[in-house]
PDB file of N, CA and C in Angstrom:
ATOM      1  N   MET A   1      -3.172  16.699  -3.667  1.00  0.00           N
ATOM      2  CA  MET A   1      -2.564  15.689  -2.840  1.00  0.00           C
ATOM      3  C   MET A   1      -1.560  14.910  -3.683  1.00  0.00           C
ATOM      4  N   SER A   2      -0.352  14.833  -3.217  1.00  0.00           N
ATOM      5  CA  SER A   2       0.685  14.145  -3.973  1.00  0.00           C
ATOM      6  C   SER A   2       0.754  12.674  -3.561  1.00  0.00           C
ATOM      7  N   LEU A   3       1.418  11.886  -4.383  1.00  0.00           N
ATOM      8  CA  LEU A   3       1.578  10.473  -4.086  1.00  0.00           C
ATOM      9  C   LEU A   3       2.522  10.291  -2.901  1.00  0.00           C
ATOM     10  N   PRO A   4       2.308   9.253  -2.084  1.00  0.00           N
ATOM     11  CA  PRO A   4       3.196   9.026  -0.945  1.00  0.00           C
ATOM     12  C   PRO A   4       4.608   8.666  -1.395  1.00  0.00           C
ATOM     13  N   LYS A   5       5.580   9.030  -0.597  1.00  0.00           N
ATOM     14  CA  LYS A   5       6.982   8.797  -0.925  1.00  0.00           C
ATOM     15  C   LYS A   5       7.468   7.466  -0.349  1.00  0.00           C
ATOM     16  N   PHE A   6       8.336   6.796  -1.086  1.00  0.00           N
ATOM     17  CA  PHE A   6       8.900   5.515  -0.666  1.00  0.00           C
ATOM     18  C   PHE A   6       9.793   5.688   0.554  1.00  0.00           C
ATOM     19  N   ASP A   7      10.441   6.836   0.675  1.00  0.00           N
ATOM     20  CA  ASP A   7      11.353   7.082   1.800  1.00  0.00           C
ATOM     21  C   ASP A   7      10.628   7.119   3.136  1.00  0.00           C
ATOM     22  N   ALA A   8       9.328   7.332   3.109  1.00  0.00           N
ATOM     23  CA  ALA A   8       8.562   7.385   4.356  1.00  0.00           C
ATOM     24  C   ALA A   8       8.465   6.007   5.019  1.00  0.00           C
ATOM     25  N   LEU A   9       8.814   4.950   4.316  1.00  0.00           N
ATOM     26  CA  LEU A   9       8.717   3.587   4.843  1.00  0.00           C
ATOM     27  C   LEU A   9      10.025   3.079   5.444  1.00  0.00           C
ATOM     28  N   ASN A  10      11.007   3.937   5.609  1.00  0.00           N
ATOM     29  CA  ASN A  10      12.326   3.484   6.059  1.00  0.00           C
ATOM     30  C   ASN A  10      12.323   2.858   7.441  1.00  0.00           C
ATOM     31  N   ASN A  11      11.571   3.379   8.372  1.00  0.00           N
ATOM     32  CA  ASN A  11      11.643   2.919   9.756  1.00  0.00           C
ATOM     33  C   ASN A  11      10.500   1.985  10.132  1.00  0.00           C
ATOM     34  N   THR A  12      10.034   1.179   9.196  1.00  0.00           N
ATOM     35  CA  THR A  12       8.942   0.256   9.487  1.00  0.00           C
ATOM     36  C   THR A  12       9.446  -1.175   9.437  1.00  0.00           C
ATOM     37  N   ASP A  13       8.846  -2.002  10.287  1.00  0.00           N
ATOM     38  CA  ASP A  13       9.239  -3.411  10.293  1.00  0.00           C
ATOM     39  C   ASP A  13       8.277  -4.233   9.439  1.00  0.00           C
ATOM     40  N   LEU A  14       8.592  -5.487   9.264  1.00  0.00           N
ATOM     41  CA  LEU A  14       7.854  -6.360   8.352  1.00  0.00           C
ATOM     42  C   LEU A  14       6.397  -6.552   8.786  1.00  0.00           C
ATOM     43  N   LEU A  15       6.160  -6.706  10.077  1.00  0.00           N
ATOM     44  CA  LEU A  15       4.798  -6.920  10.568  1.00  0.00           C
ATOM     45  C   LEU A  15       3.920  -5.690  10.328  1.00  0.00           C
ATOM     46  N   GLU A  16       4.473  -4.527  10.554  1.00  0.00           N
ATOM     47  CA  GLU A  16       3.726  -3.289  10.330  1.00  0.00           C
ATOM     48  C   GLU A  16       3.419  -3.102   8.840  1.00  0.00           C
ATOM     49  N   ILE A  17       4.352  -3.457   7.992  1.00  0.00           N
ATOM     50  CA  ILE A  17       4.126  -3.356   6.546  1.00  0.00           C
ATOM     51  C   ILE A  17       3.026  -4.315   6.118  1.00  0.00           C
ATOM     52  N   GLU A  18       3.020  -5.533   6.664  1.00  0.00           N
ATOM     53  CA  GLU A  18       1.964  -6.496   6.348  1.00  0.00           C
ATOM     54  C   GLU A  18       0.597  -5.935   6.736  1.00  0.00           C
ATOM     55  N   ASN A  19       0.505  -5.327   7.911  1.00  0.00           N
ATOM     56  CA  ASN A  19      -0.764  -4.735   8.356  1.00  0.00           C
ATOM     57  C   ASN A  19      -1.194  -3.588   7.450  1.00  0.00           C
ATOM     58  N   GLN A  20      -0.253  -2.775   7.012  1.00  0.00           N
ATOM     59  CA  GLN A  20      -0.570  -1.657   6.125  1.00  0.00           C
ATOM     60  C   GLN A  20      -1.030  -2.147   4.754  1.00  0.00           C
ATOM     61  N   ILE A  21      -0.453  -3.253   4.271  1.00  0.00           N
ATOM     62  CA  ILE A  21      -0.864  -3.828   2.988  1.00  0.00           C
ATOM     63  C   ILE A  21      -2.317  -4.304   3.074  1.00  0.00           C
ATOM     64  N   ILE A  22      -2.649  -5.001   4.152  1.00  0.00           N
ATOM     65  CA  ILE A  22      -4.025  -5.484   4.331  1.00  0.00           C
ATOM     66  C   ILE A  22      -4.998  -4.318   4.402  1.00  0.00           C
ATOM     67  N   LYS A  23      -4.628  -3.289   5.148  1.00  0.00           N
ATOM     68  CA  LYS A  23      -5.485  -2.113   5.287  1.00  0.00           C
ATOM     69  C   LYS A  23      -5.684  -1.418   3.933  1.00  0.00           C
ATOM     70  N   ALA A  24      -4.626  -1.282   3.159  1.00  0.00           N
ATOM     71  CA  ALA A  24      -4.715  -0.611   1.864  1.00  0.00           C
ATOM     72  C   ALA A  24      -5.536  -1.431   0.868  1.00  0.00           C
ATOM     73  N   LYS A  25      -5.414  -2.755   0.922  1.00  0.00           N
ATOM     74  CA  LYS A  25      -6.203  -3.602   0.018  1.00  0.00           C
ATOM     75  C   LYS A  25      -7.685  -3.525   0.361  1.00  0.00           C
ATOM     76  N   LYS A  26      -8.006  -3.446   1.643  1.00  0.00           N
ATOM     77  CA  LYS A  26      -9.405  -3.278   2.050  1.00  0.00           C
ATOM     78  C   LYS A  26      -9.947  -1.933   1.567  1.00  0.00           C
ATOM     79  N   GLU A  27      -9.125  -0.906   1.686  1.00  0.00           N
ATOM     80  CA  GLU A  27      -9.529   0.418   1.220  1.00  0.00           C
ATOM     81  C   GLU A  27      -9.747   0.418  -0.293  1.00  0.00           C
ATOM     82  N   LEU A  28      -8.879  -0.270  -1.026  1.00  0.00           N
ATOM     83  CA  LEU A  28      -9.028  -0.362  -2.480  1.00  0.00           C
ATOM     84  C   LEU A  28     -10.325  -1.084  -2.851  1.00  0.00           C
ATOM     85  N   LEU A  29     -10.648  -2.132  -2.137  1.00  0.00           N
ATOM     86  CA  LEU A  29     -11.906  -2.841  -2.372  1.00  0.00           C
ATOM     87  C   LEU A  29     -13.100  -1.917  -2.119  1.00  0.00           C
ATOM     88  N   PHE A  30     -13.049  -1.171  -1.037  1.00  0.00           N
ATOM     89  CA  PHE A  30     -14.127  -0.232  -0.714  1.00  0.00           C
ATOM     90  C   PHE A  30     -14.269   0.827  -1.808  1.00  0.00           C
ATOM     91  N   LEU A  31     -13.155   1.310  -2.325  1.00  0.00           N
ATOM     92  CA  LEU A  31     -13.209   2.308  -3.394  1.00  0.00           C
ATOM     93  C   LEU A  31     -13.802   1.727  -4.674  1.00  0.00           C
ATOM     94  N   ARG A  32     -13.470   0.473  -4.977  1.00  0.00           N
ATOM     95  CA  ARG A  32     -14.035  -0.172  -6.163  1.00  0.00           C
ATOM     96  C   ARG A  32     -15.543  -0.372  -6.014  1.00  0.00           C
ATOM     97  N   ILE A  33     -15.977  -0.684  -4.798  1.00  0.00           N
ATOM     98  CA  ILE A  33     -17.420  -0.822  -4.553  1.00  0.00           C
ATOM     99  C   ILE A  33     -18.111   0.516  -4.731  1.00  0.00           C
ATOM    100  N   GLN A  34     -17.510   1.575  -4.219  1.00  0.00           N
ATOM    101  CA  GLN A  34     -18.073   2.919  -4.400  1.00  0.00           C
ATOM    102  C   GLN A  34     -18.183   3.262  -5.877  1.00  0.00           C
ATOM    103  N   LYS A  35     -17.169   2.920  -6.647  1.00  0.00           N
ATOM    104  CA  LYS A  35     -17.170   3.213  -8.077  1.00  0.00           C
ATOM    105  C   LYS A  35     -18.288   2.444  -8.777  1.00  0.00           C
ATOM    106  N   ALA A  36     -18.476   1.200  -8.408  1.00  0.00           N
ATOM    107  CA  ALA A  36     -19.499   0.375  -9.036  1.00  0.00           C
ATOM    108  C   ALA A  36     -20.909   0.832  -8.684  1.00  0.00           C
ATOM    109  N   ASN A  37     -21.076   1.397  -7.496  1.00  0.00           N
ATOM    110  CA  ASN A  37     -22.390   1.844  -7.046  1.00  0.00           C
ATOM    111  C   ASN A  37     -22.715   3.268  -7.470  1.00  0.00           C
ATOM    112  N   PHE A  38     -21.830   3.891  -8.216  1.00  0.00           N
ATOM    113  CA  PHE A  38     -22.006   5.267  -8.673  1.00  0.00           C
ATOM    114  C   PHE A  38     -22.238   6.236  -7.518  1.00  0.00           C
ATOM    115  N   SER A  39     -21.673   5.941  -6.372  1.00  0.00           N
ATOM    116  CA  SER A  39     -21.781   6.861  -5.255  1.00  0.00           C
ATOM    117  C   SER A  39     -20.689   7.928  -5.372  1.00  0.00           C
ATOM    118  N   ARG A  40     -20.666   8.808  -4.433  1.00  0.00           N
ATOM    119  CA  ARG A  40     -19.662   9.869  -4.451  1.00  0.00           C
ATOM    120  C   ARG A  40     -18.275   9.237  -4.405  1.00  0.00           C
ATOM    121  N   PHE A  41     -17.453   9.593  -5.362  1.00  0.00           N
ATOM    122  CA  PHE A  41     -16.221   8.831  -5.589  1.00  0.00           C
ATOM    123  C   PHE A  41     -15.132   9.752  -6.118  1.00  0.00           C
ATOM    124  N   SER A  42     -13.931   9.613  -5.588  1.00  0.00           N
ATOM    125  CA  SER A  42     -12.772  10.374  -6.054  1.00  0.00           C
ATOM    126  C   SER A  42     -11.817   9.420  -6.765  1.00  0.00           C
ATOM    127  N   PRO A  43     -11.718   9.525  -8.092  1.00  0.00           N
ATOM    128  CA  PRO A  43     -10.896   8.571  -8.839  1.00  0.00           C
ATOM    129  C   PRO A  43      -9.410   8.613  -8.492  1.00  0.00           C
ATOM    130  N   HIS A  44      -8.940   9.755  -8.034  1.00  0.00           N
ATOM    131  CA  HIS A  44      -7.515   9.830  -7.714  1.00  0.00           C
ATOM    132  C   HIS A  44      -7.158   8.946  -6.516  1.00  0.00           C
ATOM    133  N   LEU A  45      -8.124   8.639  -5.678  1.00  0.00           N
ATOM    134  CA  LEU A  45      -7.847   7.774  -4.529  1.00  0.00           C
ATOM    135  C   LEU A  45      -7.513   6.349  -4.962  1.00  0.00           C
ATOM    136  N   LEU A  46      -8.080   5.900  -6.071  1.00  0.00           N
ATOM    137  CA  LEU A  46      -7.711   4.589  -6.608  1.00  0.00           C
ATOM    138  C   LEU A  46      -6.235   4.563  -6.978  1.00  0.00           C
ATOM    139  N   THR A  47      -5.794   5.595  -7.658  1.00  0.00           N
ATOM    140  CA  THR A  47      -4.395   5.686  -8.067  1.00  0.00           C
ATOM    141  C   THR A  47      -3.467   5.742  -6.857  1.00  0.00           C
ATOM    142  N   HIS A  48      -3.828   6.553  -5.878  1.00  0.00           N
ATOM    143  CA  HIS A  48      -2.987   6.686  -4.687  1.00  0.00           C
ATOM    144  C   HIS A  48      -2.906   5.369  -3.916  1.00  0.00           C
ATOM    145  N   THR A  49      -4.023   4.685  -3.806  1.00  0.00           N
ATOM    146  CA  THR A  49      -4.043   3.437  -3.047  1.00  0.00           C
ATOM    147  C   THR A  49      -3.245   2.348  -3.759  1.00  0.00           C
ATOM    148  N   LYS A  50      -3.391   2.247  -5.070  1.00  0.00           N
ATOM    149  CA  LYS A  50      -2.610   1.271  -5.837  1.00  0.00           C
ATOM    150  C   LYS A  50      -1.115   1.562  -5.724  1.00  0.00           C
ATOM    151  N   HIS A  51      -0.770   2.826  -5.780  1.00  0.00           N
ATOM    152  CA  HIS A  51       0.630   3.239  -5.663  1.00  0.00           C
ATOM    153  C   HIS A  51       1.168   2.870  -4.278  1.00  0.00           C
ATOM    154  N   GLN A  52       0.370   3.110  -3.252  1.00  0.00           N
ATOM    155  CA  GLN A  52       0.783   2.796  -1.890  1.00  0.00           C
ATOM    156  C   GLN A  52       0.977   1.287  -1.718  1.00  0.00           C
ATOM    157  N   ILE A  53       0.076   0.494  -2.279  1.00  0.00           N
ATOM    158  CA  ILE A  53       0.196  -0.957  -2.181  1.00  0.00           C
ATOM    159  C   ILE A  53       1.478  -1.437  -2.863  1.00  0.00           C
ATOM    160  N   SER A  54       1.770  -0.895  -4.025  1.00  0.00           N
ATOM    161  CA  SER A  54       2.979  -1.323  -4.732  1.00  0.00           C
ATOM    162  C   SER A  54       4.239  -0.935  -3.960  1.00  0.00           C
ATOM    163  N   GLN A  55       4.235   0.228  -3.337  1.00  0.00           N
ATOM    164  CA  GLN A  55       5.388   0.632  -2.529  1.00  0.00           C
ATOM    165  C   GLN A  55       5.556  -0.289  -1.328  1.00  0.00           C
ATOM    166  N   LEU A  56       4.447  -0.613  -0.668  1.00  0.00           N
ATOM    167  CA  LEU A  56       4.512  -1.480   0.503  1.00  0.00           C
ATOM    168  C   LEU A  56       4.990  -2.882   0.130  1.00  0.00           C
ATOM    169  N   MET A  57       4.522  -3.385  -0.993  1.00  0.00           N
ATOM    170  CA  MET A  57       4.945  -4.719  -1.423  1.00  0.00           C
ATOM    171  C   MET A  57       6.420  -4.740  -1.815  1.00  0.00           C
ATOM    172  N   THR A  58       6.901  -3.663  -2.406  1.00  0.00           N
ATOM    173  CA  THR A  58       8.319  -3.559  -2.743  1.00  0.00           C
ATOM    174  C   THR A  58       9.161  -3.521  -1.482  1.00  0.00           C
ATOM    175  N   LYS A  59       8.744  -2.718  -0.512  1.00  0.00           N
ATOM    176  CA  LYS A  59       9.481  -2.616   0.747  1.00  0.00           C
ATOM    177  C   LYS A  59       9.471  -3.950   1.489  1.00  0.00           C
ATOM    178  N   ARG A  60       8.322  -4.658   1.456  1.00  0.00           N
ATOM    179  CA  ARG A  60       8.232  -5.966   2.093  1.00  0.00           C
ATOM    180  C   ARG A  60       9.238  -6.930   1.465  1.00  0.00           C
ATOM    181  N   ARG A  61       9.313  -6.935   0.148  1.00  0.00           N
ATOM    182  CA  ARG A  61      10.242  -7.839  -0.553  1.00  0.00           C
ATOM    183  C   ARG A  61      11.695  -7.480  -0.236  1.00  0.00           C
ATOM    184  N   LEU A  62      12.005  -6.201  -0.172  1.00  0.00           N
ATOM    185  CA  LEU A  62      13.369  -5.788   0.173  1.00  0.00           C
ATOM    186  C   LEU A  62      13.756  -6.248   1.572  1.00  0.00           C
ATOM    187  N   LEU A  63      12.816  -6.148   2.511  1.00  0.00           N
ATOM    188  CA  LEU A  63      13.097  -6.610   3.874  1.00  0.00           C
ATOM    189  C   LEU A  63      13.248  -8.124   3.921  1.00  0.00           C
ATOM    190  N   GLN A  64      12.446  -8.849   3.140  1.00  0.00           N
ATOM    191  CA  GLN A  64      12.570 -10.301   3.103  1.00  0.00           C
ATOM    192  C   GLN A  64      13.922 -10.721   2.532  1.00  0.00           C
ATOM    193  N   LEU A  65      14.349 -10.066   1.468  1.00  0.00           N
ATOM    194  CA  LEU A  65      15.653 -10.384   0.887  1.00  0.00           C
ATOM    195  C   LEU A  65      16.793 -10.036   1.839  1.00  0.00           C
ATOM    196  N   LYS A  66      16.632  -8.952   2.557  1.00  0.00           N
ATOM    197  CA  LYS A  66      17.665  -8.538   3.504  1.00  0.00           C
ATOM    198  C   LYS A  66      17.818  -9.576   4.619  1.00  0.00           C
ATOM    199  N   THR A  67      16.704 -10.105   5.115  1.00  0.00           N
ATOM    200  CA  THR A  67      16.792 -11.114   6.158  1.00  0.00           C
ATOM    201  C   THR A  67      17.366 -12.428   5.618  1.00  0.00           C
ATOM    202  N   LEU A  68      17.072 -12.775   4.364  1.00  0.00           N
ATOM    203  CA  LEU A  68      17.635 -13.983   3.783  1.00  0.00           C
ATOM    204  C   LEU A  68      19.145 -13.868   3.581  1.00  0.00           C
ATOM    205  N   ASN A  69      19.599 -12.689   3.200  1.00  0.00           N
ATOM    206  CA  ASN A  69      21.034 -12.473   2.979  1.00  0.00           C
ATOM    207  C   ASN A  69      21.823 -12.465   4.277  1.00  0.00           C
ATOM    208  N   GLN A  70      21.171 -12.134   5.377  1.00  0.00           N
ATOM    209  CA  GLN A  70      21.857 -12.093   6.661  1.00  0.00           C
ATOM    210  C   GLN A  70      22.083 -13.495   7.232  1.00  0.00           C
ATOM    211  N   LYS A  71      21.319 -14.467   6.757  1.00  0.00           N
ATOM    212  CA  LYS A  71      21.458 -15.838   7.291  1.00  0.00           C
ATOM    213  C   LYS A  71      22.637 -16.554   6.723  1.00  0.00           C
TER     214      LYS A  71
END
């Protein structure tokens, strides 16, 4: 499984990105709990989720700057 691409976020609005960030952070918390409990755990999912969160936060900031520049 490869890491998600930044270009896949082109057609998303700010509200949808905010919802995806919350969902990804919840998933990351769940993965950390799984890791701490020594349950069945895939370490690559931590990397993918962190990468996805960073992409979403970057896209959110770009959209915020774009709206500020338009004013």
